[in-house]
Amino acid sequence: MHGNDAQMLVLTALAGGPLHGYAINTAIEVLTGTRLGPGSLYGALARLEARQLVEPAAGRSDAQDRHRTVRITAAGREALRVELEQLARVAQAGLRALGVAPA
C-alpha cells in the first residue's frame, strides 16, 4: 500500500474519534478487509503527526508507545475532506466511463 493511502486510511479511522494503534488498525481492517503492517501503520502515524494532522489525545508524546491514543486535528479533518472529495470525483468519472454510473 502506498504511504499516502495508509495515511488516508488512518485519518479515516480517526475521523470517528481518538484511537490507539491497534484500534486504528482494527478500524482499517473493518473498512478494507486488510490490516496495515506495523511499519506502515506507525510510519503513517509519525508522518501525520509531523504534518500536525494528528496529535496525542491524552497529552502524551512518546512516539514509541504503541498504546497511546491519537486524534485527528482540524487540519487533519480538512486534509481528509479534500482527499475524499477528490477520490469521489475520480470514482464517479471511472464509474461513468465503465457505464456503471449515470452521466
PDB file of N, CA and C in Angstrom:
ATOM      1  N   MET A   1       0.844  -1.181   0.000  1.00  0.00           N
ATOM      2  CA  MET A   1       0.000   0.000   0.000  1.00  0.00           C
ATOM      3  C   MET A   1       0.885   1.238   0.000  1.00  0.00           C
ATOM      4  N   HIS A   2       0.516   2.211  -0.757  1.00  0.00           N
ATOM      5  CA  HIS A   2       1.248   3.476  -0.850  1.00  0.00           C
ATOM      6  C   HIS A   2       1.136   4.243   0.458  1.00  0.00           C
ATOM      7  N   GLY A   3       2.177   4.959   0.837  1.00  0.00           N
ATOM      8  CA  GLY A   3       2.204   5.694   2.102  1.00  0.00           C
ATOM      9  C   GLY A   3       1.056   6.664   2.269  1.00  0.00           C
ATOM     10  N   ASN A   4       0.713   7.378   1.183  1.00  0.00           N
ATOM     11  CA  ASN A   4      -0.405   8.314   1.273  1.00  0.00           C
ATOM     12  C   ASN A   4      -1.715   7.578   1.482  1.00  0.00           C
ATOM     13  N   ASP A   5      -1.851   6.380   0.896  1.00  0.00           N
ATOM     14  CA  ASP A   5      -3.052   5.581   1.122  1.00  0.00           C
ATOM     15  C   ASP A   5      -3.163   5.198   2.591  1.00  0.00           C
ATOM     16  N   ALA A   6      -2.046   4.774   3.174  1.00  0.00           N
ATOM     17  CA  ALA A   6      -2.045   4.400   4.596  1.00  0.00           C
ATOM     18  C   ALA A   6      -2.419   5.601   5.447  1.00  0.00           C
ATOM     19  N   GLN A   7      -1.891   6.768   5.117  1.00  0.00           N
ATOM     20  CA  GLN A   7      -2.205   7.968   5.882  1.00  0.00           C
ATOM     21  C   GLN A   7      -3.691   8.306   5.766  1.00  0.00           C
ATOM     22  N   MET A   8      -4.261   8.171   4.576  1.00  0.00           N
ATOM     23  CA  MET A   8      -5.677   8.459   4.407  1.00  0.00           C
ATOM     24  C   MET A   8      -6.526   7.471   5.200  1.00  0.00           C
ATOM     25  N   LEU A   9      -6.135   6.197   5.207  1.00  0.00           N
ATOM     26  CA  LEU A   9      -6.872   5.202   5.986  1.00  0.00           C
ATOM     27  C   LEU A   9      -6.807   5.522   7.478  1.00  0.00           C
ATOM     28  N   VAL A  10      -5.647   5.937   7.953  1.00  0.00           N
ATOM     29  CA  VAL A  10      -5.501   6.288   9.369  1.00  0.00           C
ATOM     30  C   VAL A  10      -6.390   7.489   9.692  1.00  0.00           C
ATOM     31  N   LEU A  11      -6.358   8.517   8.860  1.00  0.00           N
ATOM     32  CA  LEU A  11      -7.199   9.693   9.098  1.00  0.00           C
ATOM     33  C   LEU A  11      -8.675   9.307   9.081  1.00  0.00           C
ATOM     34  N   THR A  12      -9.056   8.430   8.166  1.00  0.00           N
ATOM     35  CA  THR A  12     -10.448   7.982   8.091  1.00  0.00           C
ATOM     36  C   THR A  12     -10.844   7.272   9.378  1.00  0.00           C
ATOM     37  N   ALA A  13      -9.971   6.402   9.867  1.00  0.00           N
ATOM     38  CA  ALA A  13     -10.255   5.695  11.119  1.00  0.00           C
ATOM     39  C   ALA A  13     -10.393   6.677  12.277  1.00  0.00           C
ATOM     40  N   LEU A  14      -9.559   7.701  12.304  1.00  0.00           N
ATOM     41  CA  LEU A  14      -9.570   8.664  13.413  1.00  0.00           C
ATOM     42  C   LEU A  14     -10.694   9.690  13.302  1.00  0.00           C
ATOM     43  N   ALA A  15     -11.320   9.798  12.137  1.00  0.00           N
ATOM     44  CA  ALA A  15     -12.400  10.778  11.965  1.00  0.00           C
ATOM     45  C   ALA A  15     -13.555  10.504  12.918  1.00  0.00           C
ATOM     46  N   GLY A  16     -13.714   9.238  13.326  1.00  0.00           N
ATOM     47  CA  GLY A  16     -14.794   8.887  14.246  1.00  0.00           C
ATOM     48  C   GLY A  16     -14.467   9.125  15.706  1.00  0.00           C
ATOM     49  N   GLY A  17     -13.220   9.467  16.001  1.00  0.00           N
ATOM     50  CA  GLY A  17     -12.826   9.727  17.385  1.00  0.00           C
ATOM     51  C   GLY A  17     -11.435   9.183  17.669  1.00  0.00           C
ATOM     52  N   PRO A  18     -10.855   9.571  18.801  1.00  0.00           N
ATOM     53  CA  PRO A  18      -9.495   9.141  19.157  1.00  0.00           C
ATOM     54  C   PRO A  18      -9.388   7.625  19.304  1.00  0.00           C
ATOM     55  N   LEU A  19      -8.257   7.083  18.858  1.00  0.00           N
ATOM     56  CA  LEU A  19      -7.995   5.651  18.951  1.00  0.00           C
ATOM     57  C   LEU A  19      -6.505   5.425  19.204  1.00  0.00           C
ATOM     58  N   HIS A  20      -6.171   4.227  19.693  1.00  0.00           N
ATOM     59  CA  HIS A  20      -4.762   3.839  19.789  1.00  0.00           C
ATOM     60  C   HIS A  20      -4.446   2.968  18.572  1.00  0.00           C
ATOM     61  N   GLY A  21      -3.168   2.650  18.370  1.00  0.00           N
ATOM     62  CA  GLY A  21      -2.708   1.961  17.169  1.00  0.00           C
ATOM     63  C   GLY A  21      -3.474   0.705  16.817  1.00  0.00           C
ATOM     64  N   TYR A  22      -3.667  -0.189  17.778  1.00  0.00           N
ATOM     65  CA  TYR A  22      -4.362  -1.441  17.496  1.00  0.00           C
ATOM     66  C   TYR A  22      -5.796  -1.164  17.042  1.00  0.00           C
ATOM     67  N   ALA A  23      -6.462  -0.225  17.701  1.00  0.00           N
ATOM     68  CA  ALA A  23      -7.843   0.108  17.345  1.00  0.00           C
ATOM     69  C   ALA A  23      -7.908   0.776  15.975  1.00  0.00           C
ATOM     70  N   ILE A  24      -6.905   1.570  15.637  1.00  0.00           N
ATOM     71  CA  ILE A  24      -6.853   2.171  14.295  1.00  0.00           C
ATOM     72  C   ILE A  24      -6.775   1.062  13.261  1.00  0.00           C
ATOM     73  N   ASN A  25      -5.888   0.095  13.493  1.00  0.00           N
ATOM     74  CA  ASN A  25      -5.716  -0.989  12.535  1.00  0.00           C
ATOM     75  C   ASN A  25      -6.969  -1.855  12.444  1.00  0.00           C
ATOM     76  N   THR A  26      -7.660  -2.050  13.550  1.00  0.00           N
ATOM     77  CA  THR A  26      -8.909  -2.800  13.537  1.00  0.00           C
ATOM     78  C   THR A  26      -9.957  -2.067  12.702  1.00  0.00           C
ATOM     79  N   ALA A  27     -10.043  -0.740  12.865  1.00  0.00           N
ATOM     80  CA  ALA A  27     -10.992   0.055  12.073  1.00  0.00           C
ATOM     81  C   ALA A  27     -10.645  -0.014  10.589  1.00  0.00           C
ATOM     82  N   ILE A  28      -9.362   0.014  10.272  1.00  0.00           N
ATOM     83  CA  ILE A  28      -8.931  -0.093   8.877  1.00  0.00           C
ATOM     84  C   ILE A  28      -9.292  -1.473   8.321  1.00  0.00           C
ATOM     85  N   GLU A  29      -9.132  -2.504   9.134  1.00  0.00           N
ATOM     86  CA  GLU A  29      -9.474  -3.853   8.694  1.00  0.00           C
ATOM     87  C   GLU A  29     -10.968  -3.977   8.408  1.00  0.00           C
ATOM     88  N   VAL A  30     -11.793  -3.380   9.250  1.00  0.00           N
ATOM     89  CA  VAL A  30     -13.241  -3.397   9.019  1.00  0.00           C
ATOM     90  C   VAL A  30     -13.566  -2.683   7.702  1.00  0.00           C
ATOM     91  N   LEU A  31     -12.891  -1.577   7.449  1.00  0.00           N
ATOM     92  CA  LEU A  31     -13.135  -0.767   6.265  1.00  0.00           C
ATOM     93  C   LEU A  31     -12.646  -1.434   4.982  1.00  0.00           C
ATOM     94  N   THR A  32     -11.457  -2.054   5.025  1.00  0.00           N
ATOM     95  CA  THR A  32     -10.814  -2.538   3.804  1.00  0.00           C
ATOM     96  C   THR A  32     -10.687  -4.053   3.705  1.00  0.00           C
ATOM     97  N   GLY A  33     -10.830  -4.747   4.812  1.00  0.00           N
ATOM     98  CA  GLY A  33     -10.638  -6.184   4.817  1.00  0.00           C
ATOM     99  C   GLY A  33      -9.192  -6.606   5.036  1.00  0.00           C
ATOM    100  N   THR A  34      -8.298  -5.643   5.171  1.00  0.00           N
ATOM    101  CA  THR A  34      -6.884  -5.945   5.425  1.00  0.00           C
ATOM    102  C   THR A  34      -6.356  -5.023   6.517  1.00  0.00           C
ATOM    103  N   ARG A  35      -5.265  -5.473   7.127  1.00  0.00           N
ATOM    104  CA  ARG A  35      -4.613  -4.666   8.164  1.00  0.00           C
ATOM    105  C   ARG A  35      -3.331  -4.094   7.597  1.00  0.00           C
ATOM    106  N   LEU A  36      -2.931  -2.944   8.097  1.00  0.00           N
ATOM    107  CA  LEU A  36      -1.626  -2.385   7.752  1.00  0.00           C
ATOM    108  C   LEU A  36      -0.564  -3.112   8.567  1.00  0.00           C
ATOM    109  N   GLY A  37       0.604  -3.297   7.989  1.00  0.00           N
ATOM    110  CA  GLY A  37       1.723  -3.821   8.759  1.00  0.00           C
ATOM    111  C   GLY A  37       2.151  -2.783   9.778  1.00  0.00           C
ATOM    112  N   PRO A  38       2.824  -3.204  10.850  1.00  0.00           N
ATOM    113  CA  PRO A  38       3.245  -2.250  11.885  1.00  0.00           C
ATOM    114  C   PRO A  38       4.071  -1.091  11.324  1.00  0.00           C
ATOM    115  N   GLY A  39       4.958  -1.374  10.386  1.00  0.00           N
ATOM    116  CA  GLY A  39       5.773  -0.302   9.803  1.00  0.00           C
ATOM    117  C   GLY A  39       4.930   0.711   9.053  1.00  0.00           C
ATOM    118  N   SER A  40       3.942   0.215   8.303  1.00  0.00           N
ATOM    119  CA  SER A  40       3.061   1.119   7.559  1.00  0.00           C
ATOM    120  C   SER A  40       2.197   1.944   8.497  1.00  0.00           C
ATOM    121  N   LEU A  41       1.622   1.293   9.503  1.00  0.00           N
ATOM    122  CA  LEU A  41       0.739   1.995  10.434  1.00  0.00           C
ATOM    123  C   LEU A  41       1.493   3.055  11.223  1.00  0.00           C
ATOM    124  N   TYR A  42       2.575   2.649  11.875  1.00  0.00           N
ATOM    125  CA  TYR A  42       3.270   3.601  12.740  1.00  0.00           C
ATOM    126  C   TYR A  42       4.073   4.614  11.939  1.00  0.00           C
ATOM    127  N   GLY A  43       4.486   4.245  10.732  1.00  0.00           N
ATOM    128  CA  GLY A  43       5.114   5.219   9.838  1.00  0.00           C
ATOM    129  C   GLY A  43       4.113   6.286   9.415  1.00  0.00           C
ATOM    130  N   ALA A  44       2.895   5.845   9.069  1.00  0.00           N
ATOM    131  CA  ALA A  44       1.846   6.789   8.688  1.00  0.00           C
ATOM    132  C   ALA A  44       1.511   7.708   9.854  1.00  0.00           C
ATOM    133  N   LEU A  45       1.396   7.144  11.055  1.00  0.00           N
ATOM    134  CA  LEU A  45       1.105   7.977  12.235  1.00  0.00           C
ATOM    135  C   LEU A  45       2.203   9.012  12.468  1.00  0.00           C
ATOM    136  N   ALA A  46       3.461   8.594  12.318  1.00  0.00           N
ATOM    137  CA  ALA A  46       4.583   9.532  12.521  1.00  0.00           C
ATOM    138  C   ALA A  46       4.544  10.649  11.486  1.00  0.00           C
ATOM    139  N   ARG A  47       4.282  10.312  10.227  1.00  0.00           N
ATOM    140  CA  ARG A  47       4.217  11.338   9.176  1.00  0.00           C
ATOM    141  C   ARG A  47       3.033  12.275   9.403  1.00  0.00           C
ATOM    142  N   LEU A  48       1.900  11.715   9.796  1.00  0.00           N
ATOM    143  CA  LEU A  48       0.723  12.552  10.064  1.00  0.00           C
ATOM    144  C   LEU A  48       0.957  13.483  11.244  1.00  0.00           C
ATOM    145  N   GLU A  49       1.628  12.974  12.269  1.00  0.00           N
ATOM    146  CA  GLU A  49       1.909  13.819  13.433  1.00  0.00           C
ATOM    147  C   GLU A  49       2.908  14.918  13.066  1.00  0.00           C
ATOM    148  N   ALA A  50       3.903  14.582  12.248  1.00  0.00           N
ATOM    149  CA  ALA A  50       4.889  15.587  11.815  1.00  0.00           C
ATOM    150  C   ALA A  50       4.213  16.695  11.010  1.00  0.00           C
ATOM    151  N   ARG A  51       3.159  16.345  10.280  1.00  0.00           N
ATOM    152  CA  ARG A  51       2.409  17.325   9.486  1.00  0.00           C
ATOM    153  C   ARG A  51       1.296  17.983  10.292  1.00  0.00           C
ATOM    154  N   GLN A  52       1.201  17.648  11.575  1.00  0.00           N
ATOM    155  CA  GLN A  52       0.206  18.180  12.501  1.00  0.00           C
ATOM    156  C   GLN A  52      -1.226  17.861  12.070  1.00  0.00           C
ATOM    157  N   LEU A  53      -1.394  16.675  11.462  1.00  0.00           N
ATOM    158  CA  LEU A  53      -2.721  16.223  11.070  1.00  0.00           C
ATOM    159  C   LEU A  53      -3.334  15.310  12.119  1.00  0.00           C
ATOM    160  N   VAL A  54      -2.489  14.756  13.004  1.00  0.00           N
ATOM    161  CA  VAL A  54      -2.932  14.022  14.183  1.00  0.00           C
ATOM    162  C   VAL A  54      -2.086  14.485  15.354  1.00  0.00           C
ATOM    163  N   GLU A  55      -2.597  14.239  16.561  1.00  0.00           N
ATOM    164  CA  GLU A  55      -1.870  14.625  17.771  1.00  0.00           C
ATOM    165  C   GLU A  55      -2.227  13.659  18.892  1.00  0.00           C
ATOM    166  N   PRO A  56      -1.378  13.571  19.909  1.00  0.00           N
ATOM    167  CA  PRO A  56      -1.720  12.733  21.062  1.00  0.00           C
ATOM    168  C   PRO A  56      -3.019  13.230  21.686  1.00  0.00           C
ATOM    169  N   ALA A  57      -3.887  12.311  22.036  1.00  0.00           N
ATOM    170  CA  ALA A  57      -5.185  12.693  22.596  1.00  0.00           C
ATOM    171  C   ALA A  57      -5.112  12.959  24.085  1.00  0.00           C
ATOM    172  N   ALA A  58      -4.160  12.326  24.754  1.00  0.00           N
ATOM    173  CA  ALA A  58      -4.101  12.444  26.208  1.00  0.00           C
ATOM    174  C   ALA A  58      -2.889  13.240  26.670  1.00  0.00           C
ATOM    175  N   GLY A  59      -2.303  14.022  25.778  1.00  0.00           N
ATOM    176  CA  GLY A  59      -1.155  14.837  26.152  1.00  0.00           C
ATOM    177  C   GLY A  59       0.154  14.073  26.201  1.00  0.00           C
ATOM    178  N   ARG A  60       0.144  12.803  25.799  1.00  0.00           N
ATOM    179  CA  ARG A  60       1.373  12.011  25.792  1.00  0.00           C
ATOM    180  C   ARG A  60       2.048  12.166  24.448  1.00  0.00           C
ATOM    181  N   SER A  61       3.368  12.217  24.438  1.00  0.00           N
ATOM    182  CA  SER A  61       4.064  12.438  23.183  1.00  0.00           C
ATOM    183  C   SER A  61       5.143  11.399  22.912  1.00  0.00           C
ATOM    184  N   ASP A  62       5.115  10.265  23.598  1.00  0.00           N
ATOM    185  CA  ASP A  62       6.105   9.218  23.380  1.00  0.00           C
ATOM    186  C   ASP A  62       5.754   8.471  22.099  1.00  0.00           C
ATOM    187  N   ALA A  63       6.459   8.775  21.012  1.00  0.00           N
ATOM    188  CA  ALA A  63       6.160   8.195  19.708  1.00  0.00           C
ATOM    189  C   ALA A  63       6.374   6.689  19.684  1.00  0.00           C
ATOM    190  N   GLN A  64       7.122   6.140  20.639  1.00  0.00           N
ATOM    191  CA  GLN A  64       7.364   4.695  20.667  1.00  0.00           C
ATOM    192  C   GLN A  64       6.261   3.938  21.393  1.00  0.00           C
ATOM    193  N   ASP A  65       5.383   4.621  22.072  1.00  0.00           N
ATOM    194  CA  ASP A  65       4.323   3.968  22.838  1.00  0.00           C
ATOM    195  C   ASP A  65       3.181   3.596  21.907  1.00  0.00           C
ATOM    196  N   ARG A  66       3.052   2.301  21.606  1.00  0.00           N
ATOM    197  CA  ARG A  66       2.037   1.852  20.653  1.00  0.00           C
ATOM    198  C   ARG A  66       0.633   1.884  21.240  1.00  0.00           C
ATOM    199  N   HIS A  67       0.498   2.133  22.512  1.00  0.00           N
ATOM    200  CA  HIS A  67      -0.825   2.165  23.132  1.00  0.00           C
ATOM    201  C   HIS A  67      -1.310   3.582  23.352  1.00  0.00           C
ATOM    202  N   ARG A  68      -0.551   4.557  22.898  1.00  0.00           N
ATOM    203  CA  ARG A  68      -1.008   5.925  23.088  1.00  0.00           C
ATOM    204  C   ARG A  68      -2.178   6.203  22.156  1.00  0.00           C
ATOM    205  N   THR A  69      -3.073   7.016  22.621  1.00  0.00           N
ATOM    206  CA  THR A  69      -4.257   7.375  21.851  1.00  0.00           C
ATOM    207  C   THR A  69      -3.958   8.652  21.085  1.00  0.00           C
ATOM    208  N   VAL A  70      -4.354   8.669  19.820  1.00  0.00           N
ATOM    209  CA  VAL A  70      -4.170   9.860  18.987  1.00  0.00           C
ATOM    210  C   VAL A  70      -5.522  10.297  18.456  1.00  0.00           C
ATOM    211  N   ARG A  71      -5.579  11.555  18.079  1.00  0.00           N
ATOM    212  CA  ARG A  71      -6.815  12.088  17.497  1.00  0.00           C
ATOM    213  C   ARG A  71      -6.466  12.919  16.264  1.00  0.00           C
ATOM    214  N   ILE A  72      -7.438  13.048  15.407  1.00  0.00           N
ATOM    215  CA  ILE A  72      -7.279  13.864  14.213  1.00  0.00           C
ATOM    216  C   ILE A  72      -7.408  15.333  14.616  1.00  0.00           C
ATOM    217  N   THR A  73      -6.620  16.198  13.994  1.00  0.00           N
ATOM    218  CA  THR A  73      -6.701  17.638  14.258  1.00  0.00           C
ATOM    219  C   THR A  73      -7.665  18.280  13.260  1.00  0.00           C
ATOM    220  N   ALA A  74      -7.953  19.543  13.453  1.00  0.00           N
ATOM    221  CA  ALA A  74      -8.794  20.266  12.497  1.00  0.00           C
ATOM    222  C   ALA A  74      -8.133  20.267  11.119  1.00  0.00           C
ATOM    223  N   ALA A  75      -6.824  20.444  11.079  1.00  0.00           N
ATOM    224  CA  ALA A  75      -6.102  20.402   9.800  1.00  0.00           C
ATOM    225  C   ALA A  75      -6.194  19.010   9.185  1.00  0.00           C
ATOM    226  N   GLY A  76      -6.169  17.978  10.015  1.00  0.00           N
ATOM    227  CA  GLY A  76      -6.308  16.616   9.529  1.00  0.00           C
ATOM    228  C   GLY A  76      -7.683  16.364   8.939  1.00  0.00           C
ATOM    229  N   ARG A  77      -8.707  16.888   9.597  1.00  0.00           N
ATOM    230  CA  ARG A  77     -10.067  16.743   9.075  1.00  0.00           C
ATOM    231  C   ARG A  77     -10.199  17.425   7.711  1.00  0.00           C
ATOM    232  N   GLU A  78      -9.616  18.603   7.594  1.00  0.00           N
ATOM    233  CA  GLU A  78      -9.680  19.334   6.323  1.00  0.00           C
ATOM    234  C   GLU A  78      -8.919  18.587   5.232  1.00  0.00           C
ATOM    235  N   ALA A  79      -7.727  18.081   5.540  1.00  0.00           N
ATOM    236  CA  ALA A  79      -6.936  17.329   4.567  1.00  0.00           C
ATOM    237  C   ALA A  79      -7.691  16.080   4.128  1.00  0.00           C
ATOM    238  N   LEU A  80      -8.331  15.395   5.072  1.00  0.00           N
ATOM    239  CA  LEU A  80      -9.103  14.194   4.739  1.00  0.00           C
ATOM    240  C   LEU A  80     -10.299  14.552   3.865  1.00  0.00           C
ATOM    241  N   ARG A  81     -10.994  15.619   4.197  1.00  0.00           N
ATOM    242  CA  ARG A  81     -12.151  16.047   3.406  1.00  0.00           C
ATOM    243  C   ARG A  81     -11.746  16.316   1.959  1.00  0.00           C
ATOM    244  N   VAL A  82     -10.666  17.068   1.772  1.00  0.00           N
ATOM    245  CA  VAL A  82     -10.194  17.401   0.426  1.00  0.00           C
ATOM    246  C   VAL A  82      -9.833  16.127  -0.342  1.00  0.00           C
ATOM    247  N   GLU A  83      -9.110  15.231   0.297  1.00  0.00           N
ATOM    248  CA  GLU A  83      -8.696  13.979  -0.340  1.00  0.00           C
ATOM    249  C   GLU A  83      -9.902  13.113  -0.706  1.00  0.00           C
ATOM    250  N   LEU A  84     -10.863  13.015   0.197  1.00  0.00           N
ATOM    251  CA  LEU A  84     -12.048  12.187  -0.072  1.00  0.00           C
ATOM    252  C   LEU A  84     -12.902  12.781  -1.187  1.00  0.00           C
ATOM    253  N   GLU A  85     -13.015  14.104  -1.226  1.00  0.00           N
ATOM    254  CA  GLU A  85     -13.775  14.730  -2.318  1.00  0.00           C
ATOM    255  C   GLU A  85     -13.102  14.477  -3.660  1.00  0.00           C
ATOM    256  N   GLN A  86     -11.780  14.535  -3.699  1.00  0.00           N
ATOM    257  CA  GLN A  86     -11.046  14.262  -4.932  1.00  0.00           C
ATOM    258  C   GLN A  86     -11.238  12.799  -5.353  1.00  0.00           C
ATOM    259  N   LEU A  87     -11.133  11.885  -4.384  1.00  0.00           N
ATOM    260  CA  LEU A  87     -11.338  10.469  -4.691  1.00  0.00           C
ATOM    261  C   LEU A  87     -12.761  10.200  -5.185  1.00  0.00           C
ATOM    262  N   ALA A  88     -13.728  10.902  -4.616  1.00  0.00           N
ATOM    263  CA  ALA A  88     -15.118  10.725  -5.038  1.00  0.00           C
ATOM    264  C   ALA A  88     -15.284  11.167  -6.495  1.00  0.00           C
ATOM    265  N   ARG A  89     -14.631  12.276  -6.878  1.00  0.00           N
ATOM    266  CA  ARG A  89     -14.704  12.737  -8.275  1.00  0.00           C
ATOM    267  C   ARG A  89     -14.080  11.704  -9.213  1.00  0.00           C
ATOM    268  N   VAL A  90     -12.932  11.170  -8.827  1.00  0.00           N
ATOM    269  CA  VAL A  90     -12.256  10.158  -9.646  1.00  0.00           C
ATOM    270  C   VAL A  90     -13.116   8.903  -9.752  1.00  0.00           C
ATOM    271  N   ALA A  91     -13.694   8.477  -8.628  1.00  0.00           N
ATOM    272  CA  ALA A  91     -14.536   7.284  -8.637  1.00  0.00           C
ATOM    273  C   ALA A  91     -15.743   7.483  -9.544  1.00  0.00           C
ATOM    274  N   GLN A  92     -16.382   8.626  -9.450  1.00  0.00           N
ATOM    275  CA  GLN A  92     -17.551   8.895 -10.294  1.00  0.00           C
ATOM    276  C   GLN A  92     -17.167   8.892 -11.768  1.00  0.00           C
ATOM    277  N   ALA A  93     -16.038   9.516 -12.115  1.00  0.00           N
ATOM    278  CA  ALA A  93     -15.591   9.534 -13.508  1.00  0.00           C
ATOM    279  C   ALA A  93     -15.301   8.122 -13.991  1.00  0.00           C
ATOM    280  N   GLY A  94     -14.666   7.313 -13.158  1.00  0.00           N
ATOM    281  CA  GLY A  94     -14.370   5.932 -13.534  1.00  0.00           C
ATOM    282  C   GLY A  94     -15.622   5.112 -13.710  1.00  0.00           C
ATOM    283  N   LEU A  95     -16.577   5.276 -12.805  1.00  0.00           N
ATOM    284  CA  LEU A  95     -17.836   4.543 -12.912  1.00  0.00           C
ATOM    285  C   LEU A  95     -18.619   4.959 -14.153  1.00  0.00           C
ATOM    286  N   ARG A  96     -18.595   6.256 -14.473  1.00  0.00           N
ATOM    287  CA  ARG A  96     -19.255   6.720 -15.703  1.00  0.00           C
ATOM    288  C   ARG A  96     -18.577   6.109 -16.922  1.00  0.00           C
ATOM    289  N   ALA A  97     -17.242   6.088 -16.930  1.00  0.00           N
ATOM    290  CA  ALA A  97     -16.505   5.534 -18.062  1.00  0.00           C
ATOM    291  C   ALA A  97     -16.809   4.041 -18.242  1.00  0.00           C
ATOM    292  N   LEU A  98     -17.055   3.352 -17.142  1.00  0.00           N
ATOM    293  CA  LEU A  98     -17.403   1.940 -17.209  1.00  0.00           C
ATOM    294  C   LEU A  98     -18.872   1.711 -17.554  1.00  0.00           C
ATOM    295  N   GLY A  99     -19.639   2.794 -17.583  1.00  0.00           N
ATOM    296  CA  GLY A  99     -21.057   2.676 -17.872  1.00  0.00           C
ATOM    297  C   GLY A  99     -21.877   2.213 -16.676  1.00  0.00           C
ATOM    298  N   VAL A 100     -21.317   2.355 -15.477  1.00  0.00           N
ATOM    299  CA  VAL A 100     -21.989   1.904 -14.260  1.00  0.00           C
ATOM    300  C   VAL A 100     -22.742   3.034 -13.580  1.00  0.00           C
ATOM    301  N   ALA A 101     -22.286   4.266 -13.763  1.00  0.00           N
ATOM    302  CA  ALA A 101     -22.915   5.423 -13.110  1.00  0.00           C
ATOM    303  C   ALA A 101     -23.552   6.312 -14.188  1.00  0.00           C
ATOM    304  N   PRO A 102     -24.622   7.037 -13.826  1.00  0.00           N
ATOM    305  CA  PRO A 102     -25.240   7.949 -14.785  1.00  0.00           C
ATOM    306  C   PRO A 102     -24.274   9.050 -15.213  1.00  0.00           C
ATOM    307  N   ALA A 103     -24.408   9.473 -16.440  1.00  0.00           N
ATOM    308  CA  ALA A 103     -23.526  10.521 -16.994  1.00  0.00           C
ATOM    309  C   ALA A 103     -23.859  11.872 -16.460  1.00  0.00           C
TER     310      ALA A 103
END
